[in-house]
C-alpha atoms as a PDB file:
ATOM      1  CA  UNK A   1      -5.704  59.653 -31.525  1.00  0.00           C
ATOM      2  CA  UNK A   2      -8.981  58.126 -30.465  1.00  0.00           C
ATOM      3  CA  UNK A   3     -10.895  57.805 -27.186  1.00  0.00           C
ATOM      4  CA  UNK A   4      -9.008  54.692 -26.070  1.00  0.00           C
ATOM      5  CA  UNK A   5      -5.677  56.493 -26.641  1.00  0.00           C
ATOM      6  CA  UNK A   6      -6.874  59.347 -24.420  1.00  0.00           C
ATOM      7  CA  UNK A   7      -7.959  56.896 -21.723  1.00  0.00           C
ATOM      8  CA  UNK A   8      -4.639  55.032 -21.951  1.00  0.00           C
ATOM      9  CA  UNK A   9      -2.667  58.259 -21.527  1.00  0.00           C
ATOM     10  CA  UNK A  10      -4.490  59.087 -18.272  1.00  0.00           C
ATOM     11  CA  UNK A  11      -5.280  55.649 -16.801  1.00  0.00           C
ATOM     12  CA  UNK A  12      -2.195  55.051 -14.653  1.00  0.00           C
ATOM     13  CA  UNK A  13      -2.302  58.574 -13.244  1.00  0.00           C
ATOM     14  CA  UNK A  14      -5.753  58.271 -11.706  1.00  0.00           C
ATOM     15  CA  UNK A  15      -5.502  56.367  -8.429  1.00  0.00           C
ATOM     16  CA  UNK A  16      -9.217  56.115  -7.594  1.00  0.00           C
ATOM     17  CA  UNK A  17     -12.618  56.544  -9.155  1.00  0.00           C
ATOM     18  CA  UNK A  18     -14.613  59.570  -8.056  1.00  0.00           C
ATOM     19  CA  UNK A  19     -13.250  62.826  -6.753  1.00  0.00           C
ATOM     20  CA  UNK A  20     -13.223  66.363  -8.057  1.00  0.00           C
ATOM     21  CA  UNK A  21     -11.092  66.938 -11.154  1.00  0.00           C
ATOM     22  CA  UNK A  22     -10.592  69.686 -13.727  1.00  0.00           C
ATOM     23  CA  UNK A  23      -9.621  69.581 -17.382  1.00  0.00           C
ATOM     24  CA  UNK A  24      -7.841  72.835 -18.226  1.00  0.00           C
ATOM     25  CA  UNK A  25      -8.158  73.914 -21.850  1.00  0.00           C
ATOM     26  CA  UNK A  26     -10.581  71.075 -22.504  1.00  0.00           C
ATOM     27  CA  UNK A  27     -11.646  72.016 -26.037  1.00  0.00           C
ATOM     28  CA  UNK A  28     -14.214  69.615 -27.432  1.00  0.00           C
ATOM     29  CA  UNK A  29     -13.584  67.251 -24.533  1.00  0.00           C
ATOM     30  CA  UNK A  30     -11.356  64.407 -25.667  1.00  0.00           C
ATOM     31  CA  UNK A  31      -9.687  64.201 -22.263  1.00  0.00           C
ATOM     32  CA  UNK A  32     -12.831  65.199 -20.343  1.00  0.00           C
ATOM     33  CA  UNK A  33     -14.500  62.128 -21.835  1.00  0.00           C
ATOM     34  CA  UNK A  34     -11.479  60.016 -20.844  1.00  0.00           C
ATOM     35  CA  UNK A  35     -11.721  61.403 -17.307  1.00  0.00           C
ATOM     36  CA  UNK A  36     -15.420  60.565 -17.217  1.00  0.00           C
ATOM     37  CA  UNK A  37     -14.705  56.965 -18.182  1.00  0.00           C
ATOM     38  CA  UNK A  38     -11.918  56.587 -15.623  1.00  0.00           C
ATOM     39  CA  UNK A  39     -13.507  58.486 -12.721  1.00  0.00           C
ATOM     40  CA  UNK A  40     -17.062  57.190 -13.115  1.00  0.00           C
ATOM     41  CA  UNK A  41     -20.380  58.555 -11.956  1.00  0.00           C
ATOM     42  CA  UNK A  42     -19.160  59.458  -8.451  1.00  0.00           C
ATOM     43  CA  UNK A  43     -16.877  62.135  -9.892  1.00  0.00           C
ATOM     44  CA  UNK A  44     -17.356  65.813 -10.518  1.00  0.00           C
ATOM     45  CA  UNK A  45     -15.412  67.234 -13.442  1.00  0.00           C
ATOM     46  CA  UNK A  46     -14.817  70.909 -14.139  1.00  0.00           C
ATOM     47  CA  UNK A  47     -14.234  71.485 -17.833  1.00  0.00           C
ATOM     48  CA  UNK A  48     -12.610  74.842 -18.568  1.00  0.00           C
ATOM     49  CA  UNK A  49     -12.152  76.317 -22.024  1.00  0.00           C
ATOM     50  CA  UNK A  50     -12.409  79.757 -23.603  1.00  0.00           C
ATOM     51  CA  UNK A  51     -14.252  78.396 -26.659  1.00  0.00           C
ATOM     52  CA  UNK A  52     -17.977  78.338 -25.829  1.00  0.00           C
ATOM     53  CA  UNK A  53     -18.836  76.382 -28.982  1.00  0.00           C
ATOM     54  CA  UNK A  54     -16.311  73.676 -28.113  1.00  0.00           C
ATOM     55  CA  UNK A  55     -17.852  73.368 -24.641  1.00  0.00           C
ATOM     56  CA  UNK A  56     -21.337  72.999 -26.160  1.00  0.00           C
ATOM     57  CA  UNK A  57     -20.091  70.256 -28.453  1.00  0.00           C
ATOM     58  CA  UNK A  58     -18.375  68.613 -25.485  1.00  0.00           C
ATOM     59  CA  UNK A  59     -21.587  68.717 -23.431  1.00  0.00           C
ATOM     60  CA  UNK A  60     -23.467  66.931 -26.237  1.00  0.00           C
ATOM     61  CA  UNK A  61     -20.825  64.182 -26.415  1.00  0.00           C
ATOM     62  CA  UNK A  62     -20.749  63.828 -22.645  1.00  0.00           C
ATOM     63  CA  UNK A  63     -24.535  63.484 -22.465  1.00  0.00           C
ATOM     64  CA  UNK A  64     -24.434  60.875 -25.197  1.00  0.00           C
ATOM     65  CA  UNK A  65     -21.592  58.753 -23.755  1.00  0.00           C
ATOM     66  CA  UNK A  66     -21.468  59.457 -20.004  1.00  0.00           C
ATOM     67  CA  UNK A  67     -24.838  60.886 -18.932  1.00  0.00           C
ATOM     68  CA  UNK A  68     -24.337  59.913 -15.270  1.00  0.00           C
ATOM     69  CA  UNK A  69     -21.106  61.885 -14.799  1.00  0.00           C
ATOM     70  CA  UNK A  70     -21.461  65.415 -13.425  1.00  0.00           C
ATOM     71  CA  UNK A  71     -19.556  67.954 -15.521  1.00  0.00           C
ATOM     72  CA  UNK A  72     -19.469  71.677 -14.781  1.00  0.00           C
ATOM     73  CA  UNK A  73     -18.658  73.615 -17.945  1.00  0.00           C
ATOM     74  CA  UNK A  74     -16.798  76.900 -17.473  1.00  0.00           C
ATOM     75  CA  UNK A  75     -16.426  79.243 -20.410  1.00  0.00           C
ATOM     76  CA  UNK A  76     -13.209  80.830 -19.162  1.00  0.00           C
ATOM     77  CA  UNK A  77      -9.526  81.268 -19.808  1.00  0.00           C
ATOM     78  CA  UNK A  78      -7.576  79.040 -17.422  1.00  0.00           C
ATOM     79  CA  UNK A  79      -4.816  81.657 -17.216  1.00  0.00           C
ATOM     80  CA  UNK A  80      -7.142  83.976 -15.288  1.00  0.00           C
ATOM     81  CA  UNK A  81      -8.720  83.556 -11.860  1.00  0.00           C
ATOM     82  CA  UNK A  82     -11.167  80.676 -11.696  1.00  0.00           C
ATOM     83  CA  UNK A  83     -13.749  79.860  -9.080  1.00  0.00           C
ATOM     84  CA  UNK A  84     -13.203  76.187  -8.379  1.00  0.00           C
ATOM     85  CA  UNK A  85     -13.515  73.954  -5.339  1.00  0.00           C
ATOM     86  CA  UNK A  86     -10.389  72.242  -3.999  1.00  0.00           C
ATOM     87  CA  UNK A  87      -9.414  69.699  -6.660  1.00  0.00           C
ATOM     88  CA  UNK A  88      -8.218  66.115  -6.317  1.00  0.00           C
ATOM     89  CA  UNK A  89      -6.708  66.311  -9.769  1.00  0.00           C
ATOM     90  CA  UNK A  90      -6.018  68.461 -12.800  1.00  0.00           C
ATOM     91  CA  UNK A  91      -5.450  67.386 -16.391  1.00  0.00           C
ATOM     92  CA  UNK A  92      -3.662  69.732 -18.786  1.00  0.00           C
ATOM     93  CA  UNK A  93      -3.656  68.101 -22.192  1.00  0.00           C
ATOM     94  CA  UNK A  94      -2.113  69.925 -25.123  1.00  0.00           C
ATOM     95  CA  UNK A  95      -2.771  73.336 -23.618  1.00  0.00           C
ATOM     96  CA  UNK A  96       0.327  74.361 -21.664  1.00  0.00           C
ATOM     97  CA  UNK A  97       2.467  74.414 -24.810  1.00  0.00           C
ATOM     98  CA  UNK A  98       0.786  77.616 -25.958  1.00  0.00           C
ATOM     99  CA  UNK A  99       2.475  79.642 -23.200  1.00  0.00           C
ATOM    100  CA  UNK A 100       6.110  80.627 -22.881  1.00  0.00           C
ATOM    101  CA  UNK A 101       5.717  81.682 -19.228  1.00  0.00           C
ATOM    102  CA  UNK A 102       4.447  78.528 -17.599  1.00  0.00           C
ATOM    103  CA  UNK A 103       5.443  79.528 -14.049  1.00  0.00           C
ATOM    104  CA  UNK A 104       2.620  81.999 -13.355  1.00  0.00           C
ATOM    105  CA  UNK A 105      -0.002  79.810 -15.044  1.00  0.00           C
ATOM    106  CA  UNK A 106       1.010  76.738 -13.060  1.00  0.00           C
ATOM    107  CA  UNK A 107       1.175  78.703  -9.810  1.00  0.00           C
ATOM    108  CA  UNK A 108      -2.418  79.820 -10.277  1.00  0.00           C
ATOM    109  CA  UNK A 109      -3.745  76.434 -11.384  1.00  0.00           C
ATOM    110  CA  UNK A 110      -1.898  74.381  -8.798  1.00  0.00           C
ATOM    111  CA  UNK A 111      -3.334  76.667  -6.125  1.00  0.00           C
ATOM    112  CA  UNK A 112      -6.654  74.890  -6.748  1.00  0.00           C
ATOM    113  CA  UNK A 113      -5.121  71.466  -6.169  1.00  0.00           C
ATOM    114  CA  UNK A 114      -5.412  69.815  -2.756  1.00  0.00           C
ATOM    115  CA  UNK A 115      -2.247  68.730  -0.968  1.00  0.00           C
ATOM    116  CA  UNK A 116      -1.255  65.375  -2.486  1.00  0.00           C
ATOM    117  CA  UNK A 117      -3.539  66.127  -5.454  1.00  0.00           C
ATOM    118  CA  UNK A 118      -2.549  64.786  -8.859  1.00  0.00           C
ATOM    119  CA  UNK A 119      -1.446  66.933 -11.799  1.00  0.00           C
ATOM    120  CA  UNK A 120      -1.401  65.129 -15.144  1.00  0.00           C
ATOM    121  CA  UNK A 121       0.385  66.781 -18.042  1.00  0.00           C
ATOM    122  CA  UNK A 122      -0.194  65.545 -21.599  1.00  0.00           C
ATOM    123  CA  UNK A 123       2.274  67.116 -23.970  1.00  0.00           C
ATOM    124  CA  UNK A 124       4.337  66.606 -27.106  1.00  0.00           C
ATOM    125  CA  UNK A 125       7.635  64.951 -26.215  1.00  0.00           C
ATOM    126  CA  UNK A 126       9.872  67.630 -27.724  1.00  0.00           C
ATOM    127  CA  UNK A 127      11.415  70.870 -26.528  1.00  0.00           C
ATOM    128  CA  UNK A 128      11.345  72.737 -29.833  1.00  0.00           C
ATOM    129  CA  UNK A 129       7.967  73.701 -31.185  1.00  0.00           C
ATOM    130  CA  UNK A 130       6.523  75.183 -34.307  1.00  0.00           C
ATOM    131  CA  UNK A 131       3.770  77.610 -35.250  1.00  0.00           C
ATOM    132  CA  UNK A 132       0.982  75.333 -33.951  1.00  0.00           C
ATOM    133  CA  UNK A 133       2.772  74.080 -30.827  1.00  0.00           C
ATOM    134  CA  UNK A 134       5.036  76.978 -29.915  1.00  0.00           C
ATOM    135  CA  UNK A 135       6.395  76.011 -26.454  1.00  0.00           C
ATOM    136  CA  UNK A 136       6.214  72.257 -25.823  1.00  0.00           C
ATOM    137  CA  UNK A 137       8.250  70.530 -23.135  1.00  0.00           C
ATOM    138  CA  UNK A 138       9.551  67.006 -23.319  1.00  0.00           C
ATOM    139  CA  UNK A 139       9.091  64.550 -20.493  1.00  0.00           C
ATOM    140  CA  UNK A 140      12.770  64.960 -19.569  1.00  0.00           C
ATOM    141  CA  UNK A 141      12.296  68.714 -19.275  1.00  0.00           C
ATOM    142  CA  UNK A 142       9.033  68.376 -17.342  1.00  0.00           C
ATOM    143  CA  UNK A 143      10.644  65.949 -14.871  1.00  0.00           C
ATOM    144  CA  UNK A 144      13.227  68.621 -13.983  1.00  0.00           C
ATOM    145  CA  UNK A 145      10.716  71.513 -14.004  1.00  0.00           C
ATOM    146  CA  UNK A 146       7.907  69.941 -11.951  1.00  0.00           C
ATOM    147  CA  UNK A 147       9.665  70.285  -8.547  1.00  0.00           C
ATOM    148  CA  UNK A 148      10.110  74.023  -9.208  1.00  0.00           C
ATOM    149  CA  UNK A 149       6.299  74.232  -9.208  1.00  0.00           C
ATOM    150  CA  UNK A 150       5.791  72.416  -5.914  1.00  0.00           C
ATOM    151  CA  UNK A 151       5.242  69.017  -7.504  1.00  0.00           C
ATOM    152  CA  UNK A 152       6.871  65.753  -6.491  1.00  0.00           C
ATOM    153  CA  UNK A 153       6.795  62.084  -7.471  1.00  0.00           C
ATOM    154  CA  UNK A 154       6.714  62.979 -11.162  1.00  0.00           C
ATOM    155  CA  UNK A 155       6.517  59.843 -13.225  1.00  0.00           C
ATOM    156  CA  UNK A 156       5.963  58.851 -16.807  1.00  0.00           C
ATOM    157  CA  UNK A 157       2.535  57.346 -17.545  1.00  0.00           C
ATOM    158  CA  UNK A 158       2.302  56.553 -21.225  1.00  0.00           C
ATOM    159  CA  UNK A 159       3.481  57.590 -24.678  1.00  0.00           C
ATOM    160  CA  UNK A 160       1.648  57.465 -27.998  1.00  0.00           C
ATOM    161  CA  UNK A 161       3.372  57.879 -31.333  1.00  0.00           C
ATOM    162  CA  UNK A 162       2.149  60.901 -33.250  1.00  0.00           C
ATOM    163  CA  UNK A 163       2.673  61.868 -36.858  1.00  0.00           C
ATOM    164  CA  UNK A 164       2.833  65.416 -35.553  1.00  0.00           C
ATOM    165  CA  UNK A 165       6.008  66.143 -33.521  1.00  0.00           C
ATOM    166  CA  UNK A 166       6.807  62.425 -33.100  1.00  0.00           C
ATOM    167  CA  UNK A 167       5.027  61.483 -29.845  1.00  0.00           C
ATOM    168  CA  UNK A 168       2.707  62.592 -27.065  1.00  0.00           C
ATOM    169  CA  UNK A 169       3.343  61.569 -23.457  1.00  0.00           C
ATOM    170  CA  UNK A 170       1.468  61.792 -20.191  1.00  0.00           C
ATOM    171  CA  UNK A 171       3.137  62.307 -16.829  1.00  0.00           C
ATOM    172  CA  UNK A 172       1.673  62.551 -13.348  1.00  0.00           C
ATOM    173  CA  UNK A 173       2.961  64.558 -10.412  1.00  0.00           C
ATOM    174  CA  UNK A 174       1.740  65.034  -6.861  1.00  0.00           C
ATOM    175  CA  UNK A 175       1.355  68.407  -5.152  1.00  0.00           C
ATOM    176  CA  UNK A 176       3.680  68.683  -2.167  1.00  0.00           C
END
């Protein structure tokens, strides 16, 4: 996937430019960069990852491509307590599939989301994983699970064919 694929996956899930968003498990920033393009210079983005080197690389790319977007880099594990302001949106791209117990992680993360805030999940569209993607969840599974986490209006955003596990989708939900 390239930058335009990342933007396309998120585009229809972001209702307005600006706001306060977080990218959970951001890595080197593929989806943080997509958020920066879509949200613009009025936004504040919190980029959370436990790999400090990946965050440094991300900061260099962000400065090069989107120097006017404010990004707060947090070297942290998103499964633990985070100090964040109330968020208008959260992106979780290719990070939730590493955890079997999604309930406690989502409860903690969604606690940072404002009422009517947007949660965008980017995930492989399969329910059976492998060594590298141990616990994925298909869009069909996510659509039935999202309400159990206090999310409503779950809808499919976009799908991109992948040579790895067939396809990646993005879905958006709203916090009740």
